[in-house]
Amino acid sequence: MKHFVKISLLFKRIFYITIIILFFTSSILIPSDESIALSKTKGENLFIEHCAGCHVNGGNIVRRGKTLKISALKRNGLDDPEKIAKVARLGTGIMSGYEESLTKGDDQLIANWIWEQAQKAWIQG
């Protein structure tokens, strides 16, 4: 009976240790709402810094048909954030890219923010 009690205690300890490890790793691996909000804010700030001069509220002051509105993005084959990120990084047509100005992943933050705004018709809220 003593042997059974020792094994039972050992399993309880292993169980509790496993729960603690799972708790701490999940809190590290799963992004919090705060970190998601920070990346959205960074995407917006990067857009303001690099893109808003020509693309005010998703428009385009240089070429009317090259807006960031959902219909124009789809018409121009930029119907997902990956494609938008590539344009932000490398440029297209007369628009130069910002690869040298952006740090790794910034193009994706900008693209995700643009795509989200396009989905909302560039209405803030």
C-alpha atoms as a PDB file:
ATOM      1  CA  MET A   1       0.000   0.000   0.000  1.00  0.00           C
ATOM      2  CA  LYS A   2       2.907   2.375   0.762  1.00  0.00           C
ATOM      3  CA  HIS A   3       4.275   1.787  -2.717  1.00  0.00           C
ATOM      4  CA  PHE A   4       0.914   2.715  -4.275  1.00  0.00           C
ATOM      5  CA  VAL A   5       0.731   5.959  -2.250  1.00  0.00           C
ATOM      6  CA  LYS A   6       4.231   6.969  -3.407  1.00  0.00           C
ATOM      7  CA  ILE A   7       3.326   6.335  -7.058  1.00  0.00           C
ATOM      8  CA  SER A   8       0.073   8.237  -6.638  1.00  0.00           C
ATOM      9  CA  LEU A   9       1.927  11.247  -5.188  1.00  0.00           C
ATOM     10  CA  LEU A  10       4.467  11.083  -7.989  1.00  0.00           C
ATOM     11  CA  PHE A  11       1.705  11.178 -10.620  1.00  0.00           C
ATOM     12  CA  LYS A  12       0.043  14.118  -8.867  1.00  0.00           C
ATOM     13  CA  ARG A  13       3.318  16.042  -8.872  1.00  0.00           C
ATOM     14  CA  ILE A  14       3.906  15.266 -12.547  1.00  0.00           C
ATOM     15  CA  PHE A  15       0.345  16.326 -13.328  1.00  0.00           C
ATOM     16  CA  TYR A  16       0.718  19.665 -11.503  1.00  0.00           C
ATOM     17  CA  ILE A  17       4.115  20.354 -13.058  1.00  0.00           C
ATOM     18  CA  THR A  18       2.656  19.628 -16.514  1.00  0.00           C
ATOM     19  CA  ILE A  19      -0.240  22.020 -15.876  1.00  0.00           C
ATOM     20  CA  ILE A  20       2.168  24.749 -14.749  1.00  0.00           C
ATOM     21  CA  ILE A  21       4.389  24.253 -17.803  1.00  0.00           C
ATOM     22  CA  LEU A  22       1.377  24.349 -20.156  1.00  0.00           C
ATOM     23  CA  PHE A  23       0.114  27.520 -18.501  1.00  0.00           C
ATOM     24  CA  PHE A  24       3.403  29.368 -18.856  1.00  0.00           C
ATOM     25  CA  THR A  25       4.112  28.218 -22.423  1.00  0.00           C
ATOM     26  CA  SER A  26       0.596  29.108 -23.574  1.00  0.00           C
ATOM     27  CA  SER A  27       0.914  32.597 -22.124  1.00  0.00           C
ATOM     28  CA  ILE A  28       4.146  33.037 -24.067  1.00  0.00           C
ATOM     29  CA  LEU A  29       3.041  31.470 -27.374  1.00  0.00           C
ATOM     30  CA  ILE A  30      -0.484  32.884 -27.658  1.00  0.00           C
ATOM     31  CA  PRO A  31      -0.428  36.606 -28.485  1.00  0.00           C
ATOM     32  CA  SER A  32      -2.396  38.774 -26.106  1.00  0.00           C
ATOM     33  CA  ASP A  33      -4.990  41.301 -27.233  1.00  0.00           C
ATOM     34  CA  GLU A  34      -2.512  43.972 -26.200  1.00  0.00           C
ATOM     35  CA  SER A  35       0.241  42.682 -28.519  1.00  0.00           C
ATOM     36  CA  ILE A  36      -2.259  42.431 -31.389  1.00  0.00           C
ATOM     37  CA  ALA A  37      -3.361  46.011 -30.713  1.00  0.00           C
ATOM     38  CA  LEU A  38       0.265  47.165 -30.646  1.00  0.00           C
ATOM     39  CA  SER A  39       0.949  45.577 -34.048  1.00  0.00           C
ATOM     40  CA  LYS A  40      -2.159  47.267 -35.477  1.00  0.00           C
ATOM     41  CA  THR A  41      -0.994  50.572 -34.055  1.00  0.00           C
ATOM     42  CA  LYS A  42       2.482  50.017 -35.499  1.00  0.00           C
ATOM     43  CA  GLY A  43       0.955  49.156 -38.882  1.00  0.00           C
ATOM     44  CA  GLU A  44      -1.068  52.355 -38.785  1.00  0.00           C
ATOM     45  CA  ASN A  45       1.970  54.415 -37.734  1.00  0.00           C
ATOM     46  CA  LEU A  46       4.077  52.903 -40.515  1.00  0.00           C
ATOM     47  CA  PHE A  47       1.302  53.675 -43.004  1.00  0.00           C
ATOM     48  CA  ILE A  48       1.173  57.278 -41.818  1.00  0.00           C
ATOM     49  CA  GLU A  49       4.955  57.571 -42.069  1.00  0.00           C
ATOM     50  CA  HIS A  50       5.448  55.958 -45.487  1.00  0.00           C
ATOM     51  CA  CYS A  51       2.139  55.826 -47.356  1.00  0.00           C
ATOM     52  CA  ALA A  52      -0.350  58.451 -46.199  1.00  0.00           C
ATOM     53  CA  GLY A  53       1.316  61.253 -48.153  1.00  0.00           C
ATOM     54  CA  CYS A  54      -0.083  59.790 -51.378  1.00  0.00           C
ATOM     55  CA  HIS A  55      -2.780  57.455 -50.030  1.00  0.00           C
ATOM     56  CA  VAL A  56      -4.834  59.781 -47.831  1.00  0.00           C
ATOM     57  CA  ASN A  57      -7.759  57.771 -46.403  1.00  0.00           C
ATOM     58  CA  GLY A  58      -6.971  54.988 -48.857  1.00  0.00           C
ATOM     59  CA  GLY A  59      -7.177  57.243 -51.883  1.00  0.00           C
ATOM     60  CA  ASN A  60      -4.352  58.212 -54.215  1.00  0.00           C
ATOM     61  CA  ILE A  61      -3.427  61.814 -54.954  1.00  0.00           C
ATOM     62  CA  VAL A  62      -1.044  60.805 -57.782  1.00  0.00           C
ATOM     63  CA  ARG A  63      -3.061  58.198 -59.755  1.00  0.00           C
ATOM     64  CA  ARG A  64      -6.806  58.037 -59.235  1.00  0.00           C
ATOM     65  CA  GLY A  65      -7.215  54.346 -60.173  1.00  0.00           C
ATOM     66  CA  LYS A  66      -4.456  53.110 -57.841  1.00  0.00           C
ATOM     67  CA  THR A  67      -6.258  53.597 -54.549  1.00  0.00           C
ATOM     68  CA  LEU A  68      -6.269  51.299 -51.551  1.00  0.00           C
ATOM     69  CA  LYS A  69     -10.045  50.849 -51.680  1.00  0.00           C
ATOM     70  CA  ILE A  70     -11.165  47.224 -51.805  1.00  0.00           C
ATOM     71  CA  SER A  71     -12.476  47.424 -55.392  1.00  0.00           C
ATOM     72  CA  ALA A  72      -9.213  48.919 -56.694  1.00  0.00           C
ATOM     73  CA  LEU A  73      -7.086  46.448 -54.746  1.00  0.00           C
ATOM     74  CA  LYS A  74      -9.021  43.527 -56.232  1.00  0.00           C
ATOM     75  CA  ARG A  75      -8.979  45.029 -59.733  1.00  0.00           C
ATOM     76  CA  ASN A  76      -5.192  45.456 -59.501  1.00  0.00           C
ATOM     77  CA  GLY A  77      -4.594  41.914 -58.206  1.00  0.00           C
ATOM     78  CA  LEU A  78      -3.768  43.014 -54.661  1.00  0.00           C
ATOM     79  CA  ASP A  79      -6.502  41.024 -52.997  1.00  0.00           C
ATOM     80  CA  ASP A  80      -4.600  39.788 -49.942  1.00  0.00           C
ATOM     81  CA  PRO A  81      -2.115  41.226 -47.430  1.00  0.00           C
ATOM     82  CA  GLU A  82       0.850  39.230 -48.837  1.00  0.00           C
ATOM     83  CA  LYS A  83       0.520  40.952 -52.221  1.00  0.00           C
ATOM     84  CA  ILE A  84       0.105  44.356 -50.585  1.00  0.00           C
ATOM     85  CA  ALA A  85       3.213  43.716 -48.450  1.00  0.00           C
ATOM     86  CA  LYS A  86       5.207  42.943 -51.598  1.00  0.00           C
ATOM     87  CA  VAL A  87       4.192  46.293 -53.116  1.00  0.00           C
ATOM     88  CA  ALA A  88       5.051  48.123 -49.879  1.00  0.00           C
ATOM     89  CA  ARG A  89       8.448  46.428 -49.917  1.00  0.00           C
ATOM     90  CA  LEU A  90       9.345  46.533 -53.624  1.00  0.00           C
ATOM     91  CA  GLY A  91       7.055  49.166 -55.114  1.00  0.00           C
ATOM     92  CA  THR A  92       5.154  48.987 -58.400  1.00  0.00           C
ATOM     93  CA  GLY A  93       4.925  51.246 -61.446  1.00  0.00           C
ATOM     94  CA  ILE A  94       5.830  54.794 -60.445  1.00  0.00           C
ATOM     95  CA  MET A  95       5.529  53.968 -56.746  1.00  0.00           C
ATOM     96  CA  SER A  96       8.873  53.200 -55.180  1.00  0.00           C
ATOM     97  CA  GLY A  97       9.217  50.515 -52.541  1.00  0.00           C
ATOM     98  CA  TYR A  98      10.238  51.025 -48.956  1.00  0.00           C
ATOM     99  CA  GLU A  99      12.361  47.909 -48.466  1.00  0.00           C
ATOM    100  CA  GLU A 100      15.353  49.926 -47.251  1.00  0.00           C
ATOM    101  CA  SER A 101      13.236  52.040 -44.880  1.00  0.00           C
ATOM    102  CA  LEU A 102      11.301  49.179 -43.285  1.00  0.00           C
ATOM    103  CA  THR A 103      12.563  46.702 -40.752  1.00  0.00           C
ATOM    104  CA  LYS A 104      11.801  43.009 -41.091  1.00  0.00           C
ATOM    105  CA  GLY A 105       8.052  42.388 -40.881  1.00  0.00           C
ATOM    106  CA  ASP A 106       7.049  46.050 -41.186  1.00  0.00           C
ATOM    107  CA  ASP A 107       5.762  45.501 -44.723  1.00  0.00           C
ATOM    108  CA  GLN A 108       3.401  42.840 -43.377  1.00  0.00           C
ATOM    109  CA  LEU A 109       2.192  45.122 -40.570  1.00  0.00           C
ATOM    110  CA  ILE A 110       1.416  47.870 -43.090  1.00  0.00           C
ATOM    111  CA  ALA A 111      -0.282  45.401 -45.437  1.00  0.00           C
ATOM    112  CA  ASN A 112      -2.424  43.894 -42.701  1.00  0.00           C
ATOM    113  CA  TRP A 113      -3.503  47.351 -41.580  1.00  0.00           C
ATOM    114  CA  ILE A 114      -4.279  48.453 -45.157  1.00  0.00           C
ATOM    115  CA  TRP A 115      -6.279  45.265 -45.798  1.00  0.00           C
ATOM    116  CA  GLU A 116      -8.264  45.779 -42.602  1.00  0.00           C
ATOM    117  CA  GLN A 117      -9.018  49.396 -43.522  1.00  0.00           C
ATOM    118  CA  ALA A 118     -10.045  48.386 -47.035  1.00  0.00           C
ATOM    119  CA  GLN A 119     -12.441  45.812 -45.577  1.00  0.00           C
ATOM    120  CA  LYS A 120     -14.012  48.633 -43.531  1.00  0.00           C
ATOM    121  CA  ALA A 121     -14.139  51.007 -46.554  1.00  0.00           C
ATOM    122  CA  TRP A 122     -11.541  53.184 -44.778  1.00  0.00           C
ATOM    123  CA  ILE A 123     -14.125  54.274 -42.226  1.00  0.00           C
ATOM    124  CA  GLN A 124     -12.319  54.589 -38.894  1.00  0.00           C
ATOM    125  CA  GLY A 125     -13.884  52.999 -35.892  1.00  0.00           C
END
